[in-house]
Amino acid sequence: MDLKFLETTLAEPLSSALAQLIIDRPIDPIQYLSDYLMHHSREQGIQRLEATDKARMAEALAEFQKKKAEEEERAAIEIQAVLRAEQEKIRKRKEEESGMMDALDKSLSAEDAEADPLGVIRKAASPTVMRDVETFVFDSAPGNKKKAAALVRGVRHLLGERPLKPKAPLKPLVPAQLVQALQTLDPAAKHTERKFANVRRILSYVALDDARGLSYALFVLCRWLTTVVDLRRRAVNANKTAMEADKSVESVVQEEEEGAAAEPEEEGDDPDAVAAQ
């Protein structure tokens, strides 16, 4: 037992010290051997401290990584929860907007909407809905933004403004202006035909189905523009029909007057003969 203790504790440093002692052959071998063993003891202490520090650092690093992984997992769970909540909000809003779109379509196709189809859309256009237009135009994806901007430009045309070029930044359209336009514009009044030509060109680019897939506000805009253009077409056709009817009546009256003037006077109706009698 004692021999094993000496082998495990002093064999290696003592054999190294004696080997170095033989090589160096100092004047005071005992002092040399003592210094060598003291130096070896200090080196062993330093190595043990370094090993302990490394172990503590490894343990601390493992603990840090564990906490970091737990925090990342919690953060991922929270993010997923927020995303699911936002997706649920979007889904509910899509369902609500889809129902509003269907209701608007049904109301426009009903018999009571034939006399005033714009009235239904005017009721559907509120400052809140129109505020969504501006949000969609300036915050949506580029593809959707382009179509949304085209619809806003169509409204600007009918307001008598000169819309900016497509590549230029889009000037914000205040929701109150949109509401006022949707509630006051009379498509049968005198307007420059170029305005409606521009709007028809925009509607050929953005169909109702496209606007339906964007947002309810843009669907209201597209539906309003479509209805305005249709009513404008009806008004123009009715005006043309009335003008043609007036021309036809004038031509009939003129022909009757010319025919009456060209008829020869009968002999018995001679005024001089009647006076002589």
Protein backbone atom coordinates (compact mmCIF):
# COMPACT_ATOMS: atom_id res chain seq x y z
CA MET A 1 0.00 0.00 0.00
CA ASP A 2 2.81 2.39 0.90
CA LEU A 3 4.73 1.43 -2.23
CA LYS A 4 1.72 2.10 -4.39
CA PHE A 5 1.25 5.49 -2.72
CA LEU A 6 4.87 6.39 -3.47
CA GLU A 7 4.53 5.23 -7.06
CA THR A 8 1.45 7.34 -7.66
CA THR A 9 2.71 10.47 -5.92
CA LEU A 10 6.56 10.65 -6.03
CA ALA A 11 7.76 8.15 -8.60
CA GLU A 12 7.39 10.34 -11.66
CA PRO A 13 8.60 13.70 -10.25
CA LEU A 14 11.39 12.10 -8.22
CA SER A 15 12.72 10.06 -11.13
CA SER A 16 12.66 13.15 -13.33
CA ALA A 17 14.44 15.17 -10.62
CA LEU A 18 17.16 12.54 -10.17
CA ALA A 19 17.67 12.26 -13.92
CA GLN A 20 18.02 16.03 -14.24
CA LEU A 21 20.30 16.07 -11.18
CA ILE A 22 22.67 13.64 -12.87
CA ILE A 23 22.70 15.76 -15.99
CA ASP A 24 23.24 19.14 -14.27
CA ARG A 25 25.51 17.90 -11.37
CA PRO A 26 24.91 20.96 -9.13
CA ILE A 27 27.17 21.98 -6.23
CA ASP A 28 24.35 21.46 -3.72
CA PRO A 29 22.43 18.41 -4.92
CA ILE A 30 20.01 18.42 -1.96
CA GLN A 31 18.99 22.05 -2.53
CA TYR A 32 18.73 21.41 -6.26
CA LEU A 33 16.49 18.39 -5.65
CA SER A 34 14.34 20.43 -3.24
CA ASP A 35 13.97 23.33 -5.71
CA TYR A 36 13.11 20.97 -8.53
CA LEU A 37 10.38 19.26 -6.52
CA MET A 38 8.95 22.64 -5.38
CA HIS A 39 8.89 23.85 -8.99
CA HIS A 40 7.18 20.64 -10.05
CA SER A 41 4.60 21.07 -7.28
CA ARG A 42 3.81 24.62 -8.40
CA GLU A 43 3.47 23.48 -12.03
CA GLN A 44 1.12 20.71 -10.96
CA GLY A 45 -0.96 23.21 -8.97
CA ILE A 46 -1.19 25.55 -11.95
CA GLN A 47 -2.24 22.70 -14.23
CA ARG A 48 -4.88 21.61 -11.74
CA LEU A 49 -6.22 25.18 -11.56
CA GLU A 50 -6.27 25.45 -15.34
CA ALA A 51 -8.09 22.15 -15.60
CA THR A 52 -10.57 23.30 -12.96
CA ASP A 53 -11.09 26.63 -14.80
CA LYS A 54 -11.58 24.84 -18.08
CA ALA A 55 -14.11 22.53 -16.49
CA ARG A 56 -15.93 25.49 -14.94
CA MET A 57 -15.86 27.37 -18.24
CA ALA A 58 -17.15 24.32 -20.09
CA GLU A 59 -19.88 23.91 -17.49
CA ALA A 60 -20.79 27.60 -17.69
CA LEU A 61 -20.80 27.46 -21.49
CA ALA A 62 -23.03 24.40 -21.45
CA GLU A 63 -25.38 26.13 -19.01
CA PHE A 64 -25.41 29.27 -21.17
CA GLN A 65 -26.14 27.28 -24.31
CA LYS A 66 -28.89 25.40 -22.50
CA LYS A 67 -30.50 28.64 -21.31
CA LYS A 68 -30.11 30.16 -24.76
CA ALA A 69 -31.75 27.14 -26.37
CA GLU A 70 -34.60 27.33 -23.84
CA GLU A 71 -35.06 31.06 -24.49
CA GLU A 72 -35.00 30.50 -28.25
CA GLU A 73 -37.54 27.73 -27.88
CA ARG A 74 -39.79 29.96 -25.78
CA ALA A 75 -39.35 32.80 -28.26
CA ALA A 76 -40.18 30.47 -31.15
CA ILE A 77 -43.31 29.29 -29.34
CA GLU A 78 -44.36 32.90 -28.66
CA ILE A 79 -43.68 33.89 -32.27
CA GLN A 80 -45.69 30.92 -33.51
CA ALA A 81 -48.53 31.90 -31.20
CA VAL A 82 -48.45 35.49 -32.47
CA LEU A 83 -48.34 34.27 -36.09
CA ARG A 84 -51.26 31.95 -35.50
CA ALA A 85 -53.21 34.79 -33.91
CA GLU A 86 -52.43 37.10 -36.83
CA GLN A 87 -53.34 34.39 -39.33
CA GLU A 88 -56.62 33.87 -37.50
CA LYS A 89 -57.30 37.62 -37.64
CA ILE A 90 -56.51 37.67 -41.35
CA ARG A 91 -58.73 34.64 -41.93
CA LYS A 92 -61.64 36.20 -40.04
CA ARG A 93 -61.13 39.50 -41.85
CA LYS A 94 -61.05 37.68 -45.20
CA GLU A 95 -64.27 35.89 -44.33
CA GLU A 96 -65.87 39.14 -43.21
CA GLU A 97 -64.74 40.97 -46.34
CA SER A 98 -65.89 38.10 -48.53
CA GLY A 99 -69.31 38.26 -46.92
CA MET A 100 -69.41 42.03 -47.41
CA MET A 101 -68.43 41.61 -51.06
CA ASP A 102 -71.14 39.00 -51.62
CA ALA A 103 -73.69 41.24 -49.92
CA LEU A 104 -72.62 44.17 -52.09
CA ASP A 105 -72.93 42.05 -55.24
CA LYS A 106 -76.39 40.82 -54.20
CA SER A 107 -77.57 44.31 -53.36
CA LEU A 108 -76.40 45.61 -56.72
CA SER A 109 -78.14 42.82 -58.55
CA ALA A 110 -81.42 43.29 -56.63
CA GLU A 111 -84.41 45.01 -58.20
CA ASP A 112 -84.34 47.96 -55.80
CA ALA A 113 -80.77 48.75 -56.89
CA GLU A 114 -81.68 49.12 -60.57
CA ALA A 115 -82.93 52.66 -60.10
CA ASP A 116 -79.92 53.84 -58.08
CA PRO A 117 -77.04 51.33 -58.26
CA LEU A 118 -74.60 53.96 -57.02
CA GLY A 119 -76.58 54.38 -53.81
CA VAL A 120 -75.65 50.93 -52.56
CA ILE A 121 -71.95 51.49 -53.15
CA ARG A 122 -72.11 54.94 -51.61
CA LYS A 123 -73.49 53.41 -48.44
CA ALA A 124 -70.72 50.79 -48.47
CA ALA A 125 -68.03 53.48 -48.74
CA SER A 126 -67.13 54.81 -45.30
CA PRO A 127 -64.01 56.66 -44.07
CA THR A 128 -62.86 53.49 -42.32
CA VAL A 129 -63.15 51.42 -45.49
CA MET A 130 -61.46 54.07 -47.58
CA ARG A 131 -58.66 54.39 -45.05
CA ASP A 132 -57.89 50.75 -45.81
CA VAL A 133 -57.32 51.78 -49.42
CA GLU A 134 -54.46 54.08 -48.48
CA THR A 135 -52.99 51.44 -46.15
CA PHE A 136 -53.17 48.82 -48.87
CA VAL A 137 -51.65 51.07 -51.50
CA PHE A 138 -48.65 52.11 -49.41
CA ASP A 139 -48.04 48.96 -47.32
CA SER A 140 -48.92 46.02 -49.56
CA ALA A 141 -46.79 43.89 -51.84
CA PRO A 142 -45.56 45.46 -55.12
CA GLY A 143 -47.91 43.43 -57.32
CA ASN A 144 -50.99 44.31 -55.29
CA LYS A 145 -49.79 47.88 -54.81
CA LYS A 146 -49.69 48.43 -58.57
CA LYS A 147 -53.32 47.39 -59.00
CA ALA A 148 -54.41 49.34 -55.94
CA ALA A 149 -52.63 52.44 -57.26
CA ALA A 150 -54.36 51.99 -60.63
CA LEU A 151 -57.78 52.07 -58.95
CA VAL A 152 -56.83 55.17 -56.98
CA ARG A 153 -55.68 56.81 -60.21
CA GLY A 154 -59.08 56.01 -61.70
CA VAL A 155 -60.77 57.90 -58.89
CA ARG A 156 -58.34 60.78 -59.36
CA HIS A 157 -59.28 60.95 -63.04
CA LEU A 158 -62.95 61.35 -62.16
CA LEU A 159 -62.08 63.95 -59.51
CA GLY A 160 -60.52 66.04 -62.24
CA GLU A 161 -56.99 65.61 -60.91
CA ARG A 162 -54.00 64.68 -63.00
CA PRO A 163 -52.61 61.45 -61.53
CA LEU A 164 -48.90 61.03 -61.21
CA LYS A 165 -46.98 58.78 -63.55
CA PRO A 166 -47.03 55.09 -62.55
CA LYS A 167 -43.31 55.09 -61.73
CA ALA A 168 -43.56 58.19 -59.54
CA PRO A 169 -44.43 57.98 -55.81
CA LEU A 170 -48.18 57.82 -55.34
CA LYS A 171 -49.65 60.85 -53.65
CA PRO A 172 -51.83 59.87 -50.67
CA LEU A 173 -55.56 60.21 -51.27
CA VAL A 174 -57.32 61.30 -48.09
CA PRO A 175 -60.17 58.91 -47.17
CA ALA A 176 -62.57 61.86 -46.93
CA GLN A 177 -61.84 62.68 -50.58
CA LEU A 178 -62.62 59.12 -51.59
CA VAL A 179 -65.86 59.11 -49.64
CA GLN A 180 -66.86 62.47 -51.10
CA ALA A 181 -66.10 61.24 -54.62
CA LEU A 182 -68.09 58.05 -54.16
CA GLN A 183 -71.05 59.89 -52.67
CA THR A 184 -71.30 62.97 -54.90
CA LEU A 185 -70.11 62.15 -58.41
CA ASP A 186 -72.90 62.08 -60.99
CA PRO A 187 -71.82 60.02 -64.00
CA ALA A 188 -74.63 61.48 -66.14
CA ALA A 189 -73.38 65.05 -65.69
CA LYS A 190 -71.10 66.73 -68.18
CA HIS A 191 -67.65 65.21 -67.99
CA THR A 192 -64.75 65.03 -70.32
CA GLU A 193 -64.97 61.73 -72.16
CA ARG A 194 -61.20 61.31 -71.77
CA LYS A 195 -61.68 60.77 -68.02
CA PHE A 196 -63.94 57.80 -68.58
CA ALA A 197 -61.69 56.47 -71.32
CA ASN A 198 -58.83 56.41 -68.80
CA VAL A 199 -61.05 54.70 -66.23
CA ARG A 200 -62.16 52.09 -68.78
CA ARG A 201 -58.52 51.39 -69.55
CA ILE A 202 -57.79 50.93 -65.84
CA LEU A 203 -60.75 48.57 -65.44
CA SER A 204 -59.45 46.49 -68.32
CA TYR A 205 -56.27 46.05 -66.27
CA VAL A 206 -57.90 45.53 -62.83
CA ALA A 207 -61.00 43.36 -62.98
CA LEU A 208 -63.52 42.87 -60.18
CA ASP A 209 -62.08 39.44 -59.44
CA ASP A 210 -58.63 41.00 -58.99
CA ALA A 211 -59.99 43.59 -56.57
CA ARG A 212 -61.94 40.90 -54.72
CA GLY A 213 -58.69 39.12 -53.96
CA LEU A 214 -57.06 42.29 -52.60
CA SER A 215 -59.37 43.89 -50.03
CA TYR A 216 -62.95 44.95 -49.50
CA ALA A 217 -62.02 48.62 -49.79
CA LEU A 218 -60.45 48.11 -53.20
CA PHE A 219 -63.39 45.95 -54.23
CA VAL A 220 -65.71 48.85 -53.36
CA LEU A 221 -63.52 51.18 -55.43
CA CYS A 222 -63.46 48.83 -58.42
CA ARG A 223 -67.22 48.18 -58.14
CA TRP A 224 -67.88 51.90 -57.93
CA LEU A 225 -65.73 52.65 -60.98
CA THR A 226 -67.41 49.83 -62.91
CA THR A 227 -70.88 51.12 -62.00
CA VAL A 228 -69.96 54.72 -62.83
CA VAL A 229 -68.64 53.72 -66.24
CA ASP A 230 -71.75 51.63 -66.92
CA LEU A 231 -74.09 54.45 -65.87
CA ARG A 232 -72.05 56.87 -67.96
CA ARG A 233 -72.49 54.60 -70.96
CA ARG A 234 -76.22 54.42 -70.34
CA ALA A 235 -76.46 58.20 -69.98
CA VAL A 236 -74.52 58.79 -73.20
CA ASN A 237 -76.67 56.29 -75.08
CA ALA A 238 -79.86 57.81 -73.67
CA ASN A 239 -78.65 61.28 -74.64
CA LYS A 240 -77.88 60.10 -78.15
CA THR A 241 -81.29 58.46 -78.42
CA ALA A 242 -83.01 61.64 -77.21
CA MET A 243 -81.02 63.77 -79.65
CA GLU A 244 -81.86 61.41 -82.52
CA ALA A 245 -85.54 61.50 -81.51
CA ASP A 246 -85.49 65.31 -81.41
CA LYS A 247 -83.84 65.41 -84.81
CA SER A 248 -86.42 62.97 -86.13
CA VAL A 249 -89.30 65.08 -84.80
CA GLU A 250 -87.74 68.24 -86.22
CA SER A 251 -87.28 66.62 -89.59
CA VAL A 252 -90.92 65.40 -89.62
CA VAL A 253 -92.21 68.85 -88.68
CA GLN A 254 -89.99 70.46 -91.30
CA GLU A 255 -91.19 68.04 -93.97
CA GLU A 256 -94.82 68.73 -93.06
CA GLU A 257 -94.24 72.47 -93.23
CA GLU A 258 -92.51 72.18 -96.58
CA GLY A 259 -95.28 69.92 -97.93
CA ALA A 260 -97.98 72.32 -96.78
CA ALA A 261 -96.22 75.23 -98.45
CA ALA A 262 -95.85 73.33 -101.72
CA GLU A 263 -99.57 72.30 -102.06
CA PRO A 264 -101.50 74.37 -104.81
CA GLU A 265 -104.44 76.51 -103.66
CA GLU A 266 -107.93 75.27 -104.69
CA GLU A 267 -110.03 77.52 -107.00
CA GLY A 268 -112.98 77.79 -104.65
CA ASP A 269 -110.73 79.01 -101.94
CA ASP A 270 -109.51 82.07 -103.86
CA PRO A 271 -109.76 84.98 -101.42
CA ASP A 272 -110.55 87.51 -104.20
CA ALA A 273 -113.42 85.40 -105.49
CA VAL A 274 -114.85 85.00 -102.03
CA ALA A 275 -114.66 88.77 -101.51
CA ALA A 276 -116.36 89.50 -104.85
CA GLN A 277 -119.26 87.25 -103.94
